[in-house]
């Protein structure tokens, strides 16, 4: 009976999503899990341990995995470690860079040329860490960086130490580069009053074109836009985390639809076949207002919003962020979840 009810809910959700209307916010927790968890796949060098990570992405080769982790802790403020790491398909570290540049790496994207984009959210640690300066005394944080595959800095967006209102950024969460070369940045990690909650659109050269979204929970509003993805139709998917929904927009900010069936989205990944992977790291015991939903990775269709699978967080009693915040999927369908609370990178494969 539970299985029939779950299938009925998925069917209703899919029809509502296909029509562009908000689906009923009933919990979707009982989907099948066809994946096996592989722990400890990525091998850190020497005695280095994992820090918090929400940033994971697949290399242009479709096999290698890029991760930006917080230097064995939850901040790189006082570390000389490289936070940006590349692992080959066996989990061996083959490249690292970025030491001394970032405070709190948060989002990551690999563009069609293989360049690596990383956001420095600067959303963790003490006030002193958030105001930390580099080795030469320069301010740091609240910026977006574009690196070559070899680690050369190619472009920086935003001013060091950040800015609000007409300036940018303040706590940039994620970055995405469209096939056209236009750059999108999701800004606003805090959910408190006065925080930014918007998407900024830039040219490929870094010139600001427009911003869209204001703080709130209604149509045209966002609250903690935590993740970005784009489907084959060029629609922009925004993980509107504190509103417990995905917002779908045109690339000019036109509001197209909102989906709640993927729960509280921390990370979104859409593959070439428009399969969508959405990770929820804050529902259940972590986020009591959303306690009926379970944390984990929900998998479905970016075309119509239907759901097919769910990888649950094994720790249902966690009291802080648990399960993946970031998610990425390689060319073979292997899923990677980047976890902030447990400080690890999980690998999920089908037997």
Foldseek 3Di string as FASTA:
>chain_A
DVVVVLVVLLVQQLVCLLVQEERDQDARADFAAQKDWDFPQADDPDPFAFAFWQEKEAFLVLAKIWTFTARNYQWLLPPQDFRIFIAGNRNYTDAGDDGQAATGWAYWDQDNQRKIKTARQLPDDDPCSSQGAGPVRHAAGQKMFIAHNRGHTDDIAFDGSADDDVGDDHRWAYWDADPQQKIKIAGFQDQDPPTAGWIWIAHNRHHTDDIFEGDDQDPRHAGRFHEWEAAPVQWIWTQRQVNQWIWIAHPVRHTRHIYNNQGRFLEWYADNQQKIKGFDFQEALQDVVRNVYFGFIWIDGNNRPRTRRTDGFPDNNDNHGGWANYWYAGPVGWIWGRGNVVRGIMIIDRD
